């Protein structure tokens, strides 16, 4: 029993020593994990450029405009001023029907609380380099449908 306990203790000590010596690298390479990231610029999306292509089926649509000054909190959501169904903003994509259903699939009169914070899924498109090489080709519009 003492031998087993001693071997287990030695194994734990060796694994802790080994783990403390290894360095952790982020996808940015050998950059400190707490180092500030390089800011990216939003993609300049031109009117009439069409929809942003999706990379996979069920991908939430990307936001083609700047949202840095938008308010999205429990007191208000600036996105809804243009994208709600009762908005008359021309060209603004309306919120999907799925956003008006609760987790049980029951239809609601207002947007579901779990879909209220748009930037949980929808992100602004930016001119950022890929962190890793994509092994898959983007889907065409025909493959998405």
N, C-alpha and C. Protein backbone atom coordinates (compact mmCIF):
# COMPACT_ATOMS: atom_id res chain seq x y z
N UNK A 1 0.82 -1.19 0.00
CA UNK A 1 0.00 0.00 0.00
C UNK A 1 0.86 1.26 0.00
N UNK A 2 1.92 1.25 0.86
CA UNK A 2 2.82 2.40 0.93
C UNK A 2 3.55 2.60 -0.40
N UNK A 3 3.92 1.50 -1.06
CA UNK A 3 4.62 1.58 -2.33
C UNK A 3 3.73 2.21 -3.40
N UNK A 4 2.48 1.77 -3.45
CA UNK A 4 1.52 2.31 -4.42
C UNK A 4 1.29 3.79 -4.18
N UNK A 5 1.13 4.16 -2.93
CA UNK A 5 0.90 5.57 -2.58
C UNK A 5 2.13 6.41 -2.94
N UNK A 6 3.31 5.88 -2.70
CA UNK A 6 4.56 6.59 -3.01
C UNK A 6 4.72 6.76 -4.53
N UNK A 7 4.42 5.70 -5.31
CA UNK A 7 4.49 5.78 -6.77
C UNK A 7 3.48 6.78 -7.32
N UNK A 8 2.28 6.80 -6.77
CA UNK A 8 1.25 7.74 -7.20
C UNK A 8 1.68 9.17 -6.92
N UNK A 9 2.24 9.40 -5.75
CA UNK A 9 2.71 10.74 -5.38
C UNK A 9 3.85 11.18 -6.31
N UNK A 10 4.77 10.28 -6.62
CA UNK A 10 5.86 10.60 -7.54
C UNK A 10 5.33 10.92 -8.94
N UNK A 11 4.36 10.15 -9.40
CA UNK A 11 3.77 10.37 -10.71
C UNK A 11 3.10 11.74 -10.78
N UNK A 12 2.40 12.11 -9.74
CA UNK A 12 1.74 13.42 -9.69
C UNK A 12 2.78 14.54 -9.72
N UNK A 13 3.85 14.38 -8.95
CA UNK A 13 4.90 15.41 -8.91
C UNK A 13 5.58 15.56 -10.26
N UNK A 14 5.85 14.46 -10.94
CA UNK A 14 6.49 14.51 -12.26
C UNK A 14 5.55 15.17 -13.27
N UNK A 15 4.27 14.84 -13.24
CA UNK A 15 3.33 15.42 -14.21
C UNK A 15 3.15 16.92 -13.97
N UNK A 16 3.13 17.36 -12.72
CA UNK A 16 3.03 18.79 -12.42
C UNK A 16 4.28 19.52 -12.91
N UNK A 17 5.45 18.95 -12.68
CA UNK A 17 6.69 19.56 -13.13
C UNK A 17 6.74 19.63 -14.65
N UNK A 18 6.29 18.58 -15.32
CA UNK A 18 6.27 18.55 -16.78
C UNK A 18 5.30 19.58 -17.33
N UNK A 19 4.12 19.69 -16.73
CA UNK A 19 3.10 20.62 -17.21
C UNK A 19 3.54 22.07 -17.03
N UNK A 20 4.28 22.36 -15.97
CA UNK A 20 4.71 23.74 -15.73
C UNK A 20 5.80 24.18 -16.70
N UNK A 21 6.53 23.25 -17.30
CA UNK A 21 7.59 23.59 -18.23
C UNK A 21 7.08 23.85 -19.64
N UNK A 22 5.95 23.28 -20.02
CA UNK A 22 5.46 23.45 -21.39
C UNK A 22 4.87 24.84 -21.58
N UNK A 23 5.04 25.38 -22.78
CA UNK A 23 4.48 26.69 -23.08
C UNK A 23 3.17 26.52 -23.82
N UNK A 24 2.28 27.44 -23.58
CA UNK A 24 0.97 27.39 -24.23
C UNK A 24 0.96 28.45 -25.32
N UNK A 25 0.66 28.07 -26.53
CA UNK A 25 0.58 29.00 -27.65
C UNK A 25 -0.86 29.13 -28.09
N UNK A 26 -1.23 30.35 -28.43
CA UNK A 26 -2.57 30.58 -28.95
C UNK A 26 -2.55 30.38 -30.46
N UNK A 27 -3.69 30.55 -31.11
CA UNK A 27 -3.75 30.45 -32.56
C UNK A 27 -2.97 31.58 -33.22
N UNK A 28 -2.67 32.63 -32.44
CA UNK A 28 -1.89 33.76 -32.96
C UNK A 28 -0.40 33.43 -32.97
N UNK A 29 -0.02 32.26 -32.50
CA UNK A 29 1.39 31.88 -32.48
C UNK A 29 1.97 32.04 -31.10
N UNK A 30 3.27 32.30 -31.04
CA UNK A 30 3.96 32.41 -29.76
C UNK A 30 3.80 33.82 -29.19
N UNK A 31 2.58 34.24 -29.04
CA UNK A 31 2.24 35.54 -28.46
C UNK A 31 1.68 35.27 -27.08
N UNK A 32 2.04 36.07 -26.12
CA UNK A 32 1.53 35.88 -24.77
C UNK A 32 0.00 35.91 -24.79
N UNK A 33 -0.61 35.04 -24.01
CA UNK A 33 -2.06 34.94 -24.02
C UNK A 33 -2.75 36.22 -23.53
N UNK A 34 -2.06 36.98 -22.69
CA UNK A 34 -2.67 38.21 -22.19
C UNK A 34 -2.25 39.45 -23.00
N UNK A 35 -1.52 39.25 -24.10
CA UNK A 35 -1.12 40.37 -24.95
C UNK A 35 -2.33 40.89 -25.72
N UNK A 36 -2.41 42.19 -25.92
CA UNK A 36 -3.56 42.74 -26.65
C UNK A 36 -3.54 42.26 -28.09
N UNK A 37 -4.73 42.05 -28.65
CA UNK A 37 -4.81 41.60 -30.03
C UNK A 37 -4.71 42.80 -30.97
N UNK A 38 -4.36 42.53 -32.19
CA UNK A 38 -4.26 43.58 -33.20
C UNK A 38 -5.67 43.95 -33.64
N UNK A 39 -6.04 45.21 -33.57
CA UNK A 39 -7.39 45.58 -33.99
C UNK A 39 -7.57 45.37 -35.49
N UNK A 40 -8.74 44.96 -35.87
CA UNK A 40 -9.06 44.76 -37.29
C UNK A 40 -10.00 45.86 -37.74
N UNK A 41 -10.05 46.06 -39.02
CA UNK A 41 -10.96 47.07 -39.57
C UNK A 41 -12.17 46.38 -40.17
N UNK A 42 -13.34 47.00 -40.04
CA UNK A 42 -14.53 46.39 -40.66
C UNK A 42 -14.39 46.38 -42.17
N UNK A 43 -14.97 45.38 -42.79
CA UNK A 43 -14.96 45.32 -44.25
C UNK A 43 -15.86 46.42 -44.76
N UNK A 44 -15.39 47.14 -45.73
CA UNK A 44 -16.22 48.19 -46.34
C UNK A 44 -17.20 47.52 -47.29
N UNK A 45 -18.44 47.37 -46.86
CA UNK A 45 -19.45 46.70 -47.65
C UNK A 45 -20.18 47.72 -48.49
N UNK A 46 -20.22 47.51 -49.78
CA UNK A 46 -20.84 48.46 -50.70
C UNK A 46 -22.29 48.08 -50.96
N UNK A 47 -23.16 49.08 -51.05
CA UNK A 47 -24.55 48.81 -51.40
C UNK A 47 -24.59 48.13 -52.76
N UNK A 48 -25.46 47.15 -52.89
CA UNK A 48 -25.61 46.43 -54.15
C UNK A 48 -24.61 45.31 -54.32
N UNK A 49 -23.76 45.07 -53.33
CA UNK A 49 -22.76 44.00 -53.43
C UNK A 49 -23.39 42.62 -53.26
N UNK A 50 -24.63 42.59 -52.81
CA UNK A 50 -25.31 41.32 -52.61
C UNK A 50 -25.12 40.80 -51.20
N UNK A 51 -25.64 39.61 -50.97
CA UNK A 51 -25.53 39.01 -49.64
C UNK A 51 -24.12 38.47 -49.41
N UNK A 52 -23.74 38.43 -48.15
CA UNK A 52 -22.45 37.87 -47.79
C UNK A 52 -22.57 36.35 -47.87
N UNK A 53 -21.65 35.70 -48.57
CA UNK A 53 -21.70 34.25 -48.72
C UNK A 53 -21.50 33.56 -47.38
N UNK A 54 -22.26 32.49 -47.15
CA UNK A 54 -22.11 31.70 -45.94
C UNK A 54 -21.03 30.64 -46.15
N UNK A 55 -20.35 30.29 -45.06
CA UNK A 55 -19.30 29.27 -45.14
C UNK A 55 -19.82 27.89 -44.82
N UNK A 56 -20.96 27.79 -44.17
CA UNK A 56 -21.54 26.50 -43.83
C UNK A 56 -23.04 26.65 -43.64
N UNK A 57 -23.75 25.54 -43.76
CA UNK A 57 -25.19 25.53 -43.60
C UNK A 57 -25.54 25.94 -42.17
N UNK A 58 -26.58 26.70 -41.97
CA UNK A 58 -27.05 27.18 -40.67
C UNK A 58 -26.14 28.24 -40.06
N UNK A 59 -25.22 28.80 -40.83
CA UNK A 59 -24.39 29.88 -40.32
C UNK A 59 -25.25 31.12 -40.13
N UNK A 60 -25.20 31.76 -38.97
CA UNK A 60 -25.93 33.01 -38.81
C UNK A 60 -25.38 34.05 -39.78
N UNK A 61 -26.24 34.84 -40.42
CA UNK A 61 -25.74 35.84 -41.37
C UNK A 61 -24.77 36.82 -40.70
N UNK A 62 -23.75 37.21 -41.45
CA UNK A 62 -22.81 38.22 -40.97
C UNK A 62 -23.44 39.60 -41.10
N UNK A 63 -22.99 40.52 -40.28
CA UNK A 63 -23.51 41.89 -40.30
C UNK A 63 -22.64 42.70 -41.25
N UNK A 64 -23.23 43.28 -42.31
CA UNK A 64 -22.43 44.00 -43.31
C UNK A 64 -22.22 45.48 -42.99
N UNK A 65 -22.47 45.90 -41.76
CA UNK A 65 -22.27 47.30 -41.39
C UNK A 65 -21.69 47.40 -39.98
N UNK A 66 -21.20 48.58 -39.65
CA UNK A 66 -20.57 48.80 -38.35
C UNK A 66 -21.62 48.76 -37.24
N UNK A 67 -21.34 48.00 -36.18
CA UNK A 67 -22.26 47.93 -35.04
C UNK A 67 -21.57 48.34 -33.74
N UNK A 68 -20.40 48.98 -33.87
CA UNK A 68 -19.63 49.31 -32.67
C UNK A 68 -20.34 50.31 -31.76
N UNK A 69 -21.21 51.15 -32.32
CA UNK A 69 -21.91 52.12 -31.47
C UNK A 69 -23.35 51.68 -31.17
N UNK A 70 -23.69 50.45 -31.48
CA UNK A 70 -25.04 49.94 -31.21
C UNK A 70 -25.18 49.58 -29.74
N UNK A 71 -26.38 49.73 -29.22
CA UNK A 71 -26.69 49.32 -27.85
C UNK A 71 -27.45 48.00 -27.93
N UNK A 72 -26.90 46.98 -27.29
CA UNK A 72 -27.58 45.69 -27.19
C UNK A 72 -27.44 45.24 -25.75
N UNK A 73 -28.43 45.58 -24.95
CA UNK A 73 -28.44 45.16 -23.55
C UNK A 73 -29.88 44.93 -23.13
N UNK A 74 -30.11 44.64 -21.87
CA UNK A 74 -31.48 44.29 -21.43
C UNK A 74 -32.44 45.46 -21.52
N UNK A 75 -31.90 46.69 -21.62
CA UNK A 75 -32.77 47.87 -21.69
C UNK A 75 -33.10 48.28 -23.13
N UNK A 76 -32.35 47.81 -24.09
CA UNK A 76 -32.62 48.19 -25.47
C UNK A 76 -31.76 47.44 -26.46
N UNK A 77 -32.24 47.40 -27.71
CA UNK A 77 -31.54 46.71 -28.78
C UNK A 77 -31.68 47.56 -30.04
N UNK A 78 -30.59 48.21 -30.44
CA UNK A 78 -30.60 49.09 -31.60
C UNK A 78 -30.89 48.32 -32.88
N UNK A 79 -30.50 47.06 -32.95
CA UNK A 79 -30.71 46.26 -34.16
C UNK A 79 -32.20 46.18 -34.53
N UNK A 80 -33.04 46.11 -33.50
CA UNK A 80 -34.47 45.94 -33.73
C UNK A 80 -35.11 47.15 -34.39
N UNK A 81 -34.47 48.33 -34.31
CA UNK A 81 -35.06 49.51 -34.93
C UNK A 81 -35.14 49.37 -36.45
N UNK A 82 -34.25 48.60 -37.05
CA UNK A 82 -34.28 48.39 -38.51
C UNK A 82 -34.72 46.99 -38.91
N UNK A 83 -34.39 45.98 -38.10
CA UNK A 83 -34.58 44.60 -38.52
C UNK A 83 -35.85 43.95 -37.97
N UNK A 84 -36.62 44.64 -37.16
CA UNK A 84 -37.88 44.10 -36.65
C UNK A 84 -38.91 44.06 -37.78
N UNK A 85 -39.89 43.22 -37.64
CA UNK A 85 -40.90 43.05 -38.69
C UNK A 85 -41.73 44.31 -38.92
N UNK A 86 -41.93 45.13 -37.90
CA UNK A 86 -42.74 46.34 -38.07
C UNK A 86 -41.91 47.55 -38.50
N UNK A 87 -40.62 47.36 -38.77
CA UNK A 87 -39.77 48.45 -39.24
C UNK A 87 -40.00 48.68 -40.73
N UNK A 88 -39.90 49.92 -41.13
CA UNK A 88 -40.07 50.25 -42.55
C UNK A 88 -38.75 50.60 -43.21
N UNK A 89 -37.65 50.18 -42.63
CA UNK A 89 -36.32 50.45 -43.19
C UNK A 89 -36.15 49.63 -44.46
N UNK A 90 -35.98 50.28 -45.62
CA UNK A 90 -35.85 49.52 -46.87
C UNK A 90 -34.51 48.79 -46.93
N UNK A 91 -34.53 47.56 -47.39
CA UNK A 91 -33.31 46.77 -47.57
C UNK A 91 -32.81 46.05 -46.34
N UNK A 92 -33.35 46.36 -45.17
CA UNK A 92 -32.90 45.68 -43.94
C UNK A 92 -33.54 44.30 -43.87
N UNK A 93 -32.71 43.28 -43.71
CA UNK A 93 -33.21 41.91 -43.58
C UNK A 93 -34.02 41.80 -42.29
N UNK A 94 -35.19 41.23 -42.39
CA UNK A 94 -36.05 41.10 -41.21
C UNK A 94 -35.63 39.89 -40.38
N UNK A 95 -35.91 39.94 -39.10
CA UNK A 95 -35.56 38.87 -38.17
C UNK A 95 -36.28 37.59 -38.59
N UNK A 96 -35.59 36.47 -38.51
CA UNK A 96 -36.17 35.19 -38.88
C UNK A 96 -37.27 34.75 -37.91
N UNK A 97 -38.19 33.96 -38.41
CA UNK A 97 -39.31 33.45 -37.61
C UNK A 97 -38.80 32.65 -36.41
N UNK A 98 -37.66 31.98 -36.58
CA UNK A 98 -37.11 31.18 -35.48
C UNK A 98 -36.79 32.03 -34.25
N UNK A 99 -36.59 33.32 -34.43
CA UNK A 99 -36.26 34.22 -33.32
C UNK A 99 -37.49 34.54 -32.46
N UNK A 100 -38.66 34.13 -32.93
CA UNK A 100 -39.90 34.38 -32.21
C UNK A 100 -40.46 33.10 -31.58
N UNK A 101 -39.59 32.12 -31.36
CA UNK A 101 -40.00 30.87 -30.74
C UNK A 101 -39.18 30.64 -29.48
N UNK A 102 -39.83 30.08 -28.45
CA UNK A 102 -39.08 29.78 -27.23
C UNK A 102 -38.39 28.42 -27.38
N UNK A 103 -37.73 27.96 -26.35
CA UNK A 103 -36.98 26.70 -26.45
C UNK A 103 -37.87 25.49 -26.67
N UNK A 104 -39.16 25.61 -26.35
CA UNK A 104 -40.09 24.51 -26.56
C UNK A 104 -40.75 24.56 -27.94
N UNK A 105 -40.41 25.58 -28.75
CA UNK A 105 -40.98 25.71 -30.08
C UNK A 105 -42.28 26.48 -30.12
N UNK A 106 -42.72 27.02 -28.99
CA UNK A 106 -43.96 27.78 -28.93
C UNK A 106 -43.73 29.18 -29.52
N UNK A 107 -44.64 29.60 -30.41
CA UNK A 107 -44.53 30.91 -31.04
C UNK A 107 -44.83 32.01 -30.04
N UNK A 108 -44.06 33.10 -30.12
CA UNK A 108 -44.22 34.24 -29.23
C UNK A 108 -44.59 35.48 -30.04
N UNK A 109 -45.21 36.46 -29.39
CA UNK A 109 -45.57 37.71 -30.05
C UNK A 109 -44.35 38.62 -30.19
N UNK A 110 -43.42 38.52 -29.26
CA UNK A 110 -42.21 39.33 -29.27
C UNK A 110 -41.01 38.42 -29.50
N UNK A 111 -39.86 39.02 -29.76
CA UNK A 111 -38.64 38.24 -29.97
C UNK A 111 -38.30 37.45 -28.70
N UNK A 112 -37.86 36.24 -28.86
CA UNK A 112 -37.53 35.37 -27.73
C UNK A 112 -36.37 35.95 -26.94
N UNK A 113 -36.43 35.90 -25.61
CA UNK A 113 -35.32 36.42 -24.80
C UNK A 113 -33.99 35.75 -25.13
N UNK A 114 -34.01 34.49 -25.53
CA UNK A 114 -32.75 33.82 -25.84
C UNK A 114 -32.20 34.21 -27.21
N UNK A 115 -32.96 34.95 -28.01
CA UNK A 115 -32.50 35.43 -29.31
C UNK A 115 -32.36 36.96 -29.34
N UNK A 116 -32.53 37.60 -28.21
CA UNK A 116 -32.55 39.07 -28.12
C UNK A 116 -31.17 39.69 -28.31
N UNK A 117 -30.12 39.02 -27.85
CA UNK A 117 -28.77 39.56 -27.93
C UNK A 117 -28.13 39.12 -29.24
N UNK A 118 -28.34 39.91 -30.27
CA UNK A 118 -27.98 39.56 -31.65
C UNK A 118 -26.52 39.17 -31.82
N UNK A 119 -25.62 39.90 -31.13
CA UNK A 119 -24.20 39.68 -31.36
C UNK A 119 -23.67 38.42 -30.66
N UNK A 120 -24.55 37.60 -30.11
CA UNK A 120 -24.12 36.28 -29.65
C UNK A 120 -23.85 35.38 -30.85
N UNK A 121 -24.61 35.57 -31.91
CA UNK A 121 -24.47 34.73 -33.11
C UNK A 121 -24.03 35.53 -34.33
N UNK A 122 -24.57 36.72 -34.49
CA UNK A 122 -24.28 37.53 -35.67
C UNK A 122 -23.10 38.44 -35.37
N UNK A 123 -22.07 38.33 -36.20
CA UNK A 123 -20.86 39.13 -36.01
C UNK A 123 -20.63 40.01 -37.22
N UNK A 124 -19.93 41.10 -36.97
CA UNK A 124 -19.61 42.02 -38.04
C UNK A 124 -18.49 41.44 -38.88
N UNK A 125 -18.62 41.54 -40.18
CA UNK A 125 -17.56 41.06 -41.06
C UNK A 125 -16.38 42.02 -40.97
N UNK A 126 -15.18 41.47 -40.90
CA UNK A 126 -13.99 42.31 -40.80
C UNK A 126 -12.91 41.80 -41.73
N UNK A 127 -11.94 42.66 -41.98
CA UNK A 127 -10.78 42.29 -42.80
C UNK A 127 -9.69 41.70 -41.92
N UNK A 128 -9.98 40.60 -41.28
CA UNK A 128 -9.02 39.95 -40.39
C UNK A 128 -8.44 38.73 -41.10
N UNK A 129 -7.14 38.51 -40.94
CA UNK A 129 -6.56 37.31 -41.55
C UNK A 129 -7.05 36.06 -40.81
N UNK A 130 -7.11 34.96 -41.52
CA UNK A 130 -7.52 33.71 -40.91
C UNK A 130 -6.49 33.29 -39.87
N UNK A 131 -6.97 32.79 -38.73
CA UNK A 131 -6.06 32.31 -37.70
C UNK A 131 -5.42 30.99 -38.09
N UNK A 132 -6.22 30.16 -38.74
CA UNK A 132 -5.71 28.88 -39.21
C UNK A 132 -6.20 28.68 -40.63
N UNK A 133 -5.50 27.87 -41.39
CA UNK A 133 -5.91 27.59 -42.77
C UNK A 133 -7.18 26.76 -42.76
N UNK A 134 -8.15 27.19 -43.52
CA UNK A 134 -9.41 26.48 -43.60
C UNK A 134 -9.24 25.26 -44.49
N UNK A 135 -9.59 24.11 -43.97
CA UNK A 135 -9.43 22.86 -44.72
C UNK A 135 -10.61 22.61 -45.65
N UNK A 136 -11.67 23.38 -45.49
CA UNK A 136 -12.87 23.16 -46.28
C UNK A 136 -13.12 24.33 -47.21
N UNK A 137 -13.70 24.06 -48.35
CA UNK A 137 -14.04 25.15 -49.27
C UNK A 137 -15.39 25.72 -48.86
N UNK A 138 -15.60 27.03 -49.05
CA UNK A 138 -16.90 27.61 -48.72
C UNK A 138 -18.00 26.99 -49.59
N UNK A 139 -19.19 26.88 -49.05
CA UNK A 139 -20.31 26.32 -49.78
C UNK A 139 -20.84 27.33 -50.80
N UNK A 140 -21.29 26.84 -51.94
CA UNK A 140 -21.93 27.71 -52.91
C UNK A 140 -23.37 27.95 -52.48
N UNK A 141 -24.03 28.92 -53.09
CA UNK A 141 -25.43 29.20 -52.73
C UNK A 141 -26.33 27.99 -53.00
N UNK A 142 -26.01 27.22 -54.04
CA UNK A 142 -26.83 26.04 -54.36
C UNK A 142 -26.69 24.98 -53.27
N UNK A 143 -25.47 24.83 -52.72
CA UNK A 143 -25.24 23.83 -51.67
C UNK A 143 -25.91 24.24 -50.37
N UNK A 144 -26.02 25.55 -50.12
CA UNK A 144 -26.63 26.03 -48.89
C UNK A 144 -28.13 25.80 -48.92
N UNK A 145 -28.74 25.99 -50.05
CA UNK A 145 -30.19 25.80 -50.17
C UNK A 145 -30.50 24.35 -50.08
